[in-house]
Amino acid sequence: MMNFSNGVNEAEKVLMPRIGYTILAVIMAIFCTASIILNVTVIIVTMKYRHLRHPINYSLVNLAVADLGVTILGGLLTVETNAVGYFNLGRIGCVIEGFAVAFFAINSFYKAIYLFFWKAYRNFEQSDSWV
């Protein structure tokens, strides 16, 4: 397709060389693998040991589940897209990835805010002064 405004053929434009996409896919695969292993470990350890079942730990498990969702439905699809070099999942893949990443990221964001204020409230509750 010819862009008549500047005389450049759009098919000839290359954003990144092929090796760049491959390197990016490898780096993201390493981070996704680490994320999956660590989040699954948090979930399994909390389920296995009864004395870890407290409200604050359930919040951390919720955060781990949300991060696992972002990793699986967002990170792994991005690894696959980078490995191929272009987005090949179509409209449905784009909608699923966009919704899943937004849903789990918003969940993580609100859970992090909850944990921050819960910890601040506990510290405030234990102190005797307002300062």
C-alpha atoms as a PDB file:
ATOM      1  CA  MET A   1       0.000   0.000   0.000  1.00  0.00           C
ATOM      2  CA  MET A   2       1.446   3.345  -1.016  1.00  0.00           C
ATOM      3  CA  ASN A   3       1.287   6.328   1.294  1.00  0.00           C
ATOM      4  CA  PHE A   4       1.025   9.262  -1.096  1.00  0.00           C
ATOM      5  CA  SER A   5       1.742  11.904   1.532  1.00  0.00           C
ATOM      6  CA  ASN A   6       5.454  11.076   1.760  1.00  0.00           C
ATOM      7  CA  GLY A   7       5.980   8.556  -1.054  1.00  0.00           C
ATOM      8  CA  VAL A   8       6.964   5.697   1.292  1.00  0.00           C
ATOM      9  CA  ASN A   9       5.665   2.196   0.795  1.00  0.00           C
ATOM     10  CA  GLU A  10       4.150   1.157   4.153  1.00  0.00           C
ATOM     11  CA  ALA A  11       4.999  -2.504   3.579  1.00  0.00           C
ATOM     12  CA  GLU A  12       8.702  -1.618   3.563  1.00  0.00           C
ATOM     13  CA  LYS A  13       8.682   0.056   7.005  1.00  0.00           C
ATOM     14  CA  VAL A  14      10.216  -2.150   9.672  1.00  0.00           C
ATOM     15  CA  LEU A  15       9.682  -1.208  13.309  1.00  0.00           C
ATOM     16  CA  MET A  16      12.231  -3.655  14.685  1.00  0.00           C
ATOM     17  CA  PRO A  17      14.456  -6.297  13.113  1.00  0.00           C
ATOM     18  CA  ARG A  18      13.352  -9.919  13.510  1.00  0.00           C
ATOM     19  CA  ILE A  19      16.069 -10.625  16.105  1.00  0.00           C
ATOM     20  CA  GLY A  20      14.583  -7.852  18.284  1.00  0.00           C
ATOM     21  CA  TYR A  21      11.231  -9.634  18.459  1.00  0.00           C
ATOM     22  CA  THR A  22      12.960 -12.908  19.262  1.00  0.00           C
ATOM     23  CA  ILE A  23      15.014 -11.358  22.070  1.00  0.00           C
ATOM     24  CA  LEU A  24      11.892  -9.678  23.456  1.00  0.00           C
ATOM     25  CA  ALA A  25       9.999 -12.985  23.347  1.00  0.00           C
ATOM     26  CA  VAL A  26      12.797 -14.766  25.249  1.00  0.00           C
ATOM     27  CA  ILE A  27      13.000 -12.043  27.928  1.00  0.00           C
ATOM     28  CA  MET A  28       9.230 -12.008  28.384  1.00  0.00           C
ATOM     29  CA  ALA A  29       9.125 -15.816  28.513  1.00  0.00           C
ATOM     30  CA  ILE A  30      11.665 -15.769  31.365  1.00  0.00           C
ATOM     31  CA  PHE A  31       9.602 -13.242  33.323  1.00  0.00           C
ATOM     32  CA  CYS A  32       6.350 -15.110  32.624  1.00  0.00           C
ATOM     33  CA  THR A  33       7.868 -18.398  33.763  1.00  0.00           C
ATOM     34  CA  ALA A  34       9.153 -16.822  36.984  1.00  0.00           C
ATOM     35  CA  SER A  35       5.781 -15.164  37.591  1.00  0.00           C
ATOM     36  CA  ILE A  36       3.862 -18.411  37.088  1.00  0.00           C
ATOM     37  CA  ILE A  37       6.188 -20.386  39.376  1.00  0.00           C
ATOM     38  CA  LEU A  38       6.167 -17.790  42.172  1.00  0.00           C
ATOM     39  CA  ASN A  39       2.429 -17.106  42.094  1.00  0.00           C
ATOM     40  CA  VAL A  40       1.539 -20.793  42.024  1.00  0.00           C
ATOM     41  CA  THR A  41       3.934 -21.295  44.965  1.00  0.00           C
ATOM     42  CA  VAL A  42       2.137 -18.586  46.979  1.00  0.00           C
ATOM     43  CA  ILE A  43      -1.251 -20.178  46.259  1.00  0.00           C
ATOM     44  CA  ILE A  44      -0.116 -23.739  47.067  1.00  0.00           C
ATOM     45  CA  VAL A  45       1.730 -22.786  50.267  1.00  0.00           C
ATOM     46  CA  THR A  46      -1.273 -20.836  51.545  1.00  0.00           C
ATOM     47  CA  MET A  47      -3.593 -23.759  50.787  1.00  0.00           C
ATOM     48  CA  LYS A  48      -1.223 -26.314  52.324  1.00  0.00           C
ATOM     49  CA  TYR A  49      -0.463 -24.643  55.667  1.00  0.00           C
ATOM     50  CA  ARG A  50      -3.473 -23.837  57.820  1.00  0.00           C
ATOM     51  CA  HIS A  51      -1.729 -21.266  59.999  1.00  0.00           C
ATOM     52  CA  LEU A  52      -1.261 -19.043  56.933  1.00  0.00           C
ATOM     53  CA  ARG A  53      -5.009 -18.719  56.403  1.00  0.00           C
ATOM     54  CA  HIS A  54      -5.647 -15.192  57.645  1.00  0.00           C
ATOM     55  CA  PRO A  55      -7.543 -12.338  55.987  1.00  0.00           C
ATOM     56  CA  ILE A  56      -4.348 -10.531  55.001  1.00  0.00           C
ATOM     57  CA  ASN A  57      -2.936 -13.714  53.473  1.00  0.00           C
ATOM     58  CA  TYR A  58      -6.159 -14.277  51.543  1.00  0.00           C
ATOM     59  CA  SER A  59      -5.634 -10.810  50.119  1.00  0.00           C
ATOM     60  CA  LEU A  60      -2.137 -11.828  49.066  1.00  0.00           C
ATOM     61  CA  VAL A  61      -3.516 -15.001  47.477  1.00  0.00           C
ATOM     62  CA  ASN A  62      -6.060 -12.878  45.612  1.00  0.00           C
ATOM     63  CA  LEU A  63      -3.180 -10.705  44.407  1.00  0.00           C
ATOM     64  CA  ALA A  64      -1.279 -13.834  43.307  1.00  0.00           C
ATOM     65  CA  VAL A  65      -4.326 -15.141  41.407  1.00  0.00           C
ATOM     66  CA  ALA A  66      -4.770 -11.776  39.675  1.00  0.00           C
ATOM     67  CA  ASP A  67      -1.096 -11.685  38.735  1.00  0.00           C
ATOM     68  CA  LEU A  68      -1.345 -15.247  37.471  1.00  0.00           C
ATOM     69  CA  GLY A  69      -4.281 -14.219  35.286  1.00  0.00           C
ATOM     70  CA  VAL A  70      -2.333 -11.295  33.839  1.00  0.00           C
ATOM     71  CA  THR A  71       0.650 -13.557  33.218  1.00  0.00           C
ATOM     72  CA  ILE A  72      -1.265 -16.361  31.539  1.00  0.00           C
ATOM     73  CA  LEU A  73      -3.791 -14.361  29.528  1.00  0.00           C
ATOM     74  CA  GLY A  74      -1.588 -11.358  28.846  1.00  0.00           C
ATOM     75  CA  GLY A  75       2.047 -12.284  29.160  1.00  0.00           C
ATOM     76  CA  LEU A  76       2.009 -15.618  27.379  1.00  0.00           C
ATOM     77  CA  LEU A  77      -0.032 -14.199  24.490  1.00  0.00           C
ATOM     78  CA  THR A  78       2.471 -11.365  24.221  1.00  0.00           C
ATOM     79  CA  VAL A  79       5.338 -13.882  24.197  1.00  0.00           C
ATOM     80  CA  GLU A  80       3.630 -15.744  21.356  1.00  0.00           C
ATOM     81  CA  THR A  81       2.998 -12.508  19.446  1.00  0.00           C
ATOM     82  CA  ASN A  82       6.638 -11.443  19.814  1.00  0.00           C
ATOM     83  CA  ALA A  83       7.855 -14.888  18.785  1.00  0.00           C
ATOM     84  CA  VAL A  84       5.838 -14.669  15.574  1.00  0.00           C
ATOM     85  CA  GLY A  85       6.730 -11.007  15.019  1.00  0.00           C
ATOM     86  CA  TYR A  86       3.197  -9.714  14.542  1.00  0.00           C
ATOM     87  CA  PHE A  87      -0.232  -9.973  16.187  1.00  0.00           C
ATOM     88  CA  ASN A  88      -1.825 -13.080  14.689  1.00  0.00           C
ATOM     89  CA  LEU A  89      -4.612 -13.801  17.176  1.00  0.00           C
ATOM     90  CA  GLY A  90      -7.309 -11.833  15.355  1.00  0.00           C
ATOM     91  CA  ARG A  91     -10.041  -9.673  16.800  1.00  0.00           C
ATOM     92  CA  ILE A  92     -11.237 -12.278  19.316  1.00  0.00           C
ATOM     93  CA  GLY A  93      -7.713 -12.778  20.668  1.00  0.00           C
ATOM     94  CA  CYS A  94      -7.280  -9.028  20.983  1.00  0.00           C
ATOM     95  CA  VAL A  95     -10.561  -8.639  22.872  1.00  0.00           C
ATOM     96  CA  ILE A  96      -9.830 -11.559  25.206  1.00  0.00           C
ATOM     97  CA  GLU A  97      -6.308 -10.361  25.954  1.00  0.00           C
ATOM     98  CA  GLY A  98      -7.406  -6.755  26.472  1.00  0.00           C
ATOM     99  CA  PHE A  99     -10.306  -7.671  28.752  1.00  0.00           C
ATOM    100  CA  ALA A 100      -8.332 -10.206  30.792  1.00  0.00           C
ATOM    101  CA  VAL A 101      -5.347  -7.934  31.348  1.00  0.00           C
ATOM    102  CA  ALA A 102      -7.566  -4.976  32.255  1.00  0.00           C
ATOM    103  CA  PHE A 103      -9.722  -7.093  34.601  1.00  0.00           C
ATOM    104  CA  PHE A 104      -6.839  -8.706  36.471  1.00  0.00           C
ATOM    105  CA  ALA A 105      -4.772  -5.498  36.550  1.00  0.00           C
ATOM    106  CA  ILE A 106      -7.657  -3.507  38.056  1.00  0.00           C
ATOM    107  CA  ASN A 107      -8.171  -6.290  40.605  1.00  0.00           C
ATOM    108  CA  SER A 108      -4.471  -6.173  41.512  1.00  0.00           C
ATOM    109  CA  PHE A 109      -4.538  -2.395  41.776  1.00  0.00           C
ATOM    110  CA  TYR A 110      -7.505  -2.341  44.159  1.00  0.00           C
ATOM    111  CA  LYS A 111      -6.108  -5.198  46.221  1.00  0.00           C
ATOM    112  CA  ALA A 112      -2.774  -3.361  46.585  1.00  0.00           C
ATOM    113  CA  ILE A 113      -4.644  -0.241  47.755  1.00  0.00           C
ATOM    114  CA  TYR A 114      -6.612  -2.375  50.238  1.00  0.00           C
ATOM    115  CA  LEU A 115      -3.414  -3.919  51.604  1.00  0.00           C
ATOM    116  CA  PHE A 116      -1.779  -0.510  51.951  1.00  0.00           C
ATOM    117  CA  PHE A 117      -4.699   1.008  53.861  1.00  0.00           C
ATOM    118  CA  TRP A 118      -5.200  -2.119  55.972  1.00  0.00           C
ATOM    119  CA  LYS A 119      -1.557  -1.968  57.049  1.00  0.00           C
ATOM    120  CA  ALA A 120      -1.750   1.785  57.673  1.00  0.00           C
ATOM    121  CA  TYR A 121      -4.950   1.312  59.715  1.00  0.00           C
ATOM    122  CA  ARG A 122      -3.331  -1.431  61.787  1.00  0.00           C
ATOM    123  CA  ASN A 123      -0.304   0.768  62.492  1.00  0.00           C
ATOM    124  CA  PHE A 124      -2.584   3.679  63.399  1.00  0.00           C
ATOM    125  CA  GLU A 125      -4.725   1.438  65.612  1.00  0.00           C
ATOM    126  CA  GLN A 126      -1.682   0.236  67.565  1.00  0.00           C
ATOM    127  CA  SER A 127      -0.177   3.675  68.103  1.00  0.00           C
ATOM    128  CA  ASP A 128      -1.354   5.942  70.921  1.00  0.00           C
ATOM    129  CA  SER A 129      -0.843   9.277  69.219  1.00  0.00           C
ATOM    130  CA  TRP A 130      -2.143  11.015  66.138  1.00  0.00           C
ATOM    131  CA  VAL A 131       1.345  12.078  65.111  1.00  0.00           C
END
